[in-house]
Amino acid sequence: MISRRAAALLSVLLLSFGFAVGLAVAQEAATTVRKGTVTTKPIHGAPAQDQLRPSVEDDDASHVPPMEEIEPSDTDEGAGWESAVQAVPAPTPLIGEEQDEAVNRINAYFNGITNLQGSFEQVDPNDKRSTGRFYVQRPGKIRFDYAPPSALRIVADGHSLAIEDSDLKTVEKYPIKSTPFRLLLTDSVDLGRDARIVGVESQEGTLAIALEDKTGDAAGRIKLSFNTGPELALKEWLITDAQGLTTKVTVTDVVSGRKVAVDFFTAKDTFQPFR
């Protein structure tokens, strides 16, 4: 089984493009490399505040200054807030042909990606923030680089996926087909075929789709949001796990069509010891 640490990373980053809504783990072998040694393992309420107590030292009401009368206002101050809230249009659920058209547009967006790269910011349920860069070369290759102080990197070379930790000097490898990356790196993306569509909604300038694992083997949900315009563009995603905890990931500076070196998606086999 994929380790808990690896699963946590995959559930956040592999969902980044909306293909992986759960970890479908096959009964295959994964190679873990630790400091040059190769081993094989199966894949698989806020605290109460002190109450304010009145002083008993001086009970004389004559020492209490008289309160000024509050003149009632002729204007309902709450009306302004209610108007502001009502002025923001709620998302419009899409059903039937409108939903099908939106899903096809999202599929076309992902299927149109060959080379893509950009920055990401991740905010976990504890409000811990991580940043980094991601790179995609479809089909088959992807890379996530966490910015310091994180020492993690995730690389898929078209055959296997590696999770590298330069602090622990470890490399964990898994077959791509045993990870949610199989959905991201496939030749043809079809969300309606590969996931259960919970709902699709549109708002001014935004299109969103909520997905769940189609097999029902994995609990949780992901909601992808796109900026709409002449072209669709991935904006952010929200991942909610079985416990109801949500992680938010926002992407920026996304650039398509920019190529990288062939060996850019090659994972390490081992970490050489310091000399």
Protein backbone atom coordinates (compact mmCIF):
# COMPACT_ATOMS: atom_id res chain seq x y z
CA MET A 1 0.00 0.00 0.00
CA ILE A 2 1.17 3.53 -0.66
CA SER A 3 2.52 5.02 2.56
CA ARG A 4 0.41 7.50 4.53
CA ARG A 5 2.92 10.24 3.81
CA ALA A 6 2.91 9.51 0.08
CA ALA A 7 -0.89 9.32 0.03
CA ALA A 8 -1.15 12.72 1.68
CA LEU A 9 1.10 14.27 -0.94
CA LEU A 10 -0.68 12.59 -3.81
CA SER A 11 -4.15 13.49 -2.55
CA VAL A 12 -3.19 17.17 -2.67
CA LEU A 13 -0.91 17.51 -5.66
CA LEU A 14 -2.22 14.77 -7.89
CA LEU A 15 -5.65 16.29 -7.65
CA SER A 16 -4.22 19.52 -8.92
CA PHE A 17 -5.60 19.11 -12.39
CA GLY A 18 -8.82 17.44 -11.37
CA PHE A 19 -8.21 13.93 -12.51
CA ALA A 20 -7.51 12.11 -9.24
CA VAL A 21 -10.42 11.99 -6.84
CA GLY A 22 -9.06 9.09 -4.80
CA LEU A 23 -6.11 6.72 -4.51
CA ALA A 24 -6.80 3.55 -6.51
CA VAL A 25 -3.85 1.46 -5.35
CA ALA A 26 -2.97 -1.75 -7.21
CA GLN A 27 -1.30 -4.77 -5.61
CA GLU A 28 2.08 -4.12 -7.16
CA ALA A 29 5.62 -3.53 -5.96
CA ALA A 30 7.14 -0.13 -5.24
CA THR A 31 10.83 0.53 -4.80
CA THR A 32 12.01 2.63 -1.86
CA VAL A 33 15.58 3.89 -2.01
CA ARG A 34 17.19 4.99 1.25
CA LYS A 35 20.72 6.33 1.21
CA GLY A 36 21.74 4.01 -1.58
CA THR A 37 20.01 0.89 -0.20
CA VAL A 38 17.10 -0.49 -2.24
CA THR A 39 14.24 -2.28 -0.54
CA THR A 40 10.98 -3.59 -1.95
CA LYS A 41 7.56 -3.18 -0.38
CA PRO A 42 3.98 -3.75 -1.62
CA ILE A 43 2.09 -0.81 -2.93
CA HIS A 44 -0.95 -0.47 -1.62
CA GLY A 45 -14.44 24.47 20.73
CA ALA A 46 -12.44 27.38 21.68
CA PRO A 47 -11.11 27.42 25.28
CA ALA A 48 -13.45 29.06 27.70
CA GLN A 49 -12.61 32.67 28.56
CA ASP A 50 -12.67 34.04 32.09
CA GLN A 51 -15.96 35.76 32.74
CA LEU A 52 -15.87 39.41 33.64
CA ARG A 53 -16.88 39.88 37.27
CA PRO A 54 -18.33 43.19 38.57
CA SER A 55 -16.35 44.95 41.29
CA VAL A 56 -17.81 44.61 44.78
CA GLU A 57 -15.56 47.24 46.32
CA ASP A 58 -17.71 50.18 45.34
CA ASP A 59 -21.43 49.75 45.00
CA ASP A 60 -22.28 53.46 45.01
CA ALA A 61 -24.39 54.18 41.96
CA SER A 62 -23.54 57.87 42.33
CA HIS A 63 -20.05 57.14 41.03
CA VAL A 64 -21.43 55.75 37.77
CA PRO A 65 -21.63 58.48 35.11
CA PRO A 66 -25.06 58.85 33.52
CA MET A 67 -25.45 57.15 30.18
CA GLU A 68 -26.27 59.35 27.23
CA GLU A 69 -29.45 58.63 25.40
CA ILE A 70 -28.99 57.10 22.00
CA GLU A 71 -31.13 58.81 19.45
CA PRO A 72 -32.72 56.32 17.09
CA SER A 73 -31.44 56.64 13.54
CA ASP A 74 -33.81 57.39 10.71
CA THR A 75 -31.67 55.11 8.49
CA ASP A 76 -31.67 51.35 8.72
CA GLU A 77 -27.94 50.63 8.83
CA GLY A 78 -28.53 46.92 8.21
CA ALA A 79 -30.14 47.66 4.88
CA GLY A 80 -26.79 48.60 3.35
CA TRP A 81 -25.22 45.28 4.31
CA GLU A 82 -28.20 43.31 3.05
CA SER A 83 -28.07 45.19 -0.24
CA ALA A 84 -24.36 44.47 -0.64
CA VAL A 85 -24.91 40.76 -0.01
CA GLN A 86 -27.80 40.60 -2.43
CA ALA A 87 -25.73 42.39 -5.05
CA VAL A 88 -23.32 39.41 -5.28
CA PRO A 89 -24.97 36.86 -7.59
CA ALA A 90 -25.01 33.28 -6.33
CA PRO A 91 -23.49 30.53 -8.49
CA THR A 92 -25.88 29.08 -11.04
CA PRO A 93 -26.08 25.25 -11.08
CA LEU A 94 -25.79 23.79 -14.57
CA ILE A 95 -27.86 20.76 -15.51
CA GLY A 96 -28.69 18.79 -18.62
CA GLU A 97 -27.15 20.05 -21.83
CA GLU A 98 -25.56 23.05 -20.09
CA GLN A 99 -23.69 20.74 -17.73
CA ASP A 100 -22.62 18.45 -20.57
CA GLU A 101 -21.33 21.42 -22.52
CA ALA A 102 -19.34 22.70 -19.51
CA VAL A 103 -17.81 19.26 -18.81
CA ASN A 104 -16.82 18.91 -22.47
CA ARG A 105 -15.18 22.32 -22.31
CA ILE A 106 -13.17 21.29 -19.22
CA ASN A 107 -12.16 17.99 -20.87
CA ALA A 108 -11.02 19.89 -23.95
CA TYR A 109 -8.95 22.23 -21.78
CA PHE A 110 -6.99 19.36 -20.24
CA ASN A 111 -6.70 17.41 -23.48
CA GLY A 112 -5.28 20.53 -25.13
CA ILE A 113 -2.34 20.61 -22.71
CA THR A 114 1.00 19.39 -24.04
CA ASN A 115 3.52 21.46 -22.09
CA LEU A 116 2.41 23.48 -19.07
CA GLN A 117 4.11 25.06 -16.07
CA GLY A 118 3.32 27.53 -13.31
CA SER A 119 3.42 28.30 -9.58
CA PHE A 120 1.20 26.91 -6.84
CA GLU A 121 0.32 27.88 -3.27
CA GLN A 122 -1.12 25.27 -0.96
CA VAL A 123 -3.00 26.07 2.26
CA ASP A 124 -3.78 23.05 4.43
CA PRO A 125 -6.56 22.73 7.05
CA ASN A 126 -4.17 24.06 9.72
CA ASP A 127 -3.53 27.18 7.61
CA LYS A 128 0.01 26.06 6.85
CA ARG A 129 1.19 27.48 3.54
CA SER A 130 3.51 25.83 1.03
CA THR A 131 4.57 27.07 -2.38
CA GLY A 132 6.34 25.68 -5.38
CA ARG A 133 6.47 25.15 -9.14
CA PHE A 134 4.80 22.49 -11.28
CA TYR A 135 5.60 21.23 -14.78
CA VAL A 136 3.54 19.02 -17.09
CA GLN A 137 4.43 17.31 -20.33
CA ARG A 138 1.58 15.17 -21.62
CA PRO A 139 1.35 12.32 -22.00
CA GLY A 140 3.32 10.70 -19.25
CA LYS A 141 5.44 13.29 -17.44
CA ILE A 142 4.93 15.67 -14.53
CA ARG A 143 7.02 17.31 -11.81
CA PHE A 144 6.24 19.24 -8.59
CA ASP A 145 9.01 21.17 -6.84
CA TYR A 146 8.28 22.44 -3.33
CA ALA A 147 10.03 25.67 -2.39
CA PRO A 148 12.30 25.72 0.70
CA PRO A 149 12.10 24.97 3.56
CA SER A 150 10.35 21.90 2.13
CA ALA A 151 12.71 19.26 0.76
CA LEU A 152 10.17 17.41 -1.39
CA ARG A 153 9.97 16.80 -5.10
CA ILE A 154 7.54 14.60 -7.07
CA VAL A 155 8.57 13.37 -10.53
CA ALA A 156 6.84 11.11 -13.05
CA ASP A 157 8.98 10.02 -16.01
CA GLY A 158 6.31 8.28 -18.05
CA HIS A 159 6.65 4.90 -16.33
CA SER A 160 7.09 5.42 -12.58
CA LEU A 161 6.36 8.12 -10.06
CA ALA A 162 9.00 9.10 -7.49
CA ILE A 163 8.64 11.05 -4.24
CA GLU A 164 12.04 12.44 -3.30
CA ASP A 165 12.93 13.82 0.12
CA SER A 166 16.39 15.39 0.19
CA ASP A 167 16.25 15.80 3.99
CA LEU A 168 15.56 12.14 4.69
CA LYS A 169 17.67 11.08 1.69
CA THR A 170 14.86 8.81 0.47
CA VAL A 171 13.25 8.06 -2.88
CA GLU A 172 9.89 6.25 -2.97
CA LYS A 173 8.85 4.91 -6.39
CA TYR A 174 5.48 3.61 -7.61
CA PRO A 175 4.13 2.50 -10.99
CA ILE A 176 2.16 5.36 -12.52
CA LYS A 177 -0.81 3.08 -13.17
CA SER A 178 -1.04 2.47 -9.40
CA THR A 179 -1.45 6.18 -8.66
CA PRO A 180 -4.00 8.84 -9.56
CA PHE A 181 -1.45 10.23 -12.02
CA ARG A 182 -2.67 7.63 -14.49
CA LEU A 183 -5.70 9.86 -15.01
CA LEU A 184 -3.66 13.01 -15.48
CA LEU A 185 -1.10 11.53 -17.84
CA THR A 186 -3.47 9.56 -20.03
CA ASP A 187 -3.80 10.38 -23.72
CA SER A 188 -7.49 11.19 -23.37
CA VAL A 189 -9.09 12.89 -20.35
CA ASP A 190 -12.81 12.27 -19.77
CA LEU A 191 -14.08 13.41 -16.34
CA GLY A 192 -17.53 11.99 -16.96
CA ARG A 193 -16.01 8.58 -17.61
CA ASP A 194 -13.34 8.56 -14.90
CA ALA A 195 -15.09 10.37 -12.01
CA ARG A 196 -18.52 10.99 -10.53
CA ILE A 197 -19.64 14.54 -11.29
CA VAL A 198 -21.34 15.92 -8.18
CA GLY A 199 -22.22 19.27 -9.70
CA VAL A 200 -21.24 21.99 -12.13
CA GLU A 201 -21.91 25.68 -11.54
CA SER A 202 -21.13 28.99 -13.16
CA GLN A 203 -20.69 32.47 -11.78
CA GLU A 204 -19.58 35.69 -13.39
CA GLY A 205 -16.12 34.93 -14.76
CA THR A 206 -15.89 31.48 -13.11
CA LEU A 207 -16.77 27.88 -13.91
CA ALA A 208 -16.55 25.18 -11.23
CA ILE A 209 -16.95 21.41 -11.14
CA ALA A 210 -17.15 19.11 -8.10
CA LEU A 211 -15.96 15.51 -8.43
CA GLU A 212 -15.90 12.32 -6.36
CA ASP A 213 -14.33 8.90 -6.82
CA LYS A 214 -16.51 7.00 -9.26
CA THR A 215 -15.85 3.61 -7.71
CA GLY A 216 -16.74 4.77 -4.20
CA ASP A 217 -13.51 3.27 -2.84
CA ALA A 218 -12.18 6.66 -1.67
CA ALA A 219 -14.08 9.24 0.35
CA GLY A 220 -13.68 12.92 -0.26
CA ARG A 221 -14.37 15.51 -2.89
CA ILE A 222 -12.50 17.95 -5.09
CA LYS A 223 -13.87 21.18 -6.51
CA LEU A 224 -12.04 22.70 -9.47
CA SER A 225 -12.48 26.35 -10.38
CA PHE A 226 -11.60 27.94 -13.73
CA ASN A 227 -11.44 31.49 -14.95
CA THR A 228 -13.68 31.86 -17.98
CA GLY A 229 -12.99 34.13 -20.89
CA PRO A 230 -11.92 33.63 -24.46
CA GLU A 231 -10.07 30.57 -23.11
CA LEU A 232 -10.59 28.46 -20.01
CA ALA A 233 -7.82 28.67 -17.38
CA LEU A 234 -7.37 26.66 -14.17
CA LYS A 235 -7.63 28.94 -11.14
CA GLU A 236 -7.75 26.84 -7.96
CA TRP A 237 -9.04 23.66 -6.40
CA LEU A 238 -10.46 22.70 -3.02
CA ILE A 239 -9.90 19.19 -1.68
CA THR A 240 -12.20 18.01 1.12
CA ASP A 241 -11.29 14.70 2.76
CA ALA A 242 -13.49 12.17 4.53
CA GLN A 243 -13.14 14.09 7.81
CA GLY A 244 -14.43 17.29 6.20
CA LEU A 245 -11.01 18.99 6.25
CA THR A 246 -10.28 21.18 3.23
CA THR A 247 -7.02 22.01 1.49
CA LYS A 248 -6.92 24.88 -0.98
CA VAL A 249 -4.45 25.14 -3.86
CA THR A 250 -4.18 28.20 -6.09
CA VAL A 251 -2.18 28.34 -9.30
CA THR A 252 -0.62 31.44 -10.85
CA ASP A 253 1.78 32.38 -13.65
CA VAL A 254 0.57 29.45 -15.73
CA VAL A 255 2.34 29.24 -19.10
CA SER A 256 1.63 26.70 -21.85
CA GLY A 257 3.82 25.54 -24.69
CA ARG A 258 7.15 26.10 -22.94
CA LYS A 259 9.38 23.01 -23.27
CA VAL A 260 11.99 21.76 -20.84
CA ALA A 261 14.96 19.43 -21.21
CA VAL A 262 14.28 15.74 -21.76
CA ASP A 263 15.99 14.70 -18.51
CA PHE A 264 14.02 17.26 -16.50
CA PHE A 265 11.50 14.51 -15.62
CA THR A 266 14.11 11.94 -14.61
CA ALA A 267 13.88 10.90 -10.95
CA LYS A 268 16.85 10.16 -8.74
CA ASP A 269 17.81 6.56 -8.10
CA THR A 270 19.52 7.37 -4.81
CA PHE A 271 20.94 10.19 -2.73
CA GLN A 272 24.71 10.05 -2.54
CA PRO A 273 26.06 10.41 1.02
CA PHE A 274 27.96 13.55 1.86
CA ARG A 275 31.75 13.32 1.59
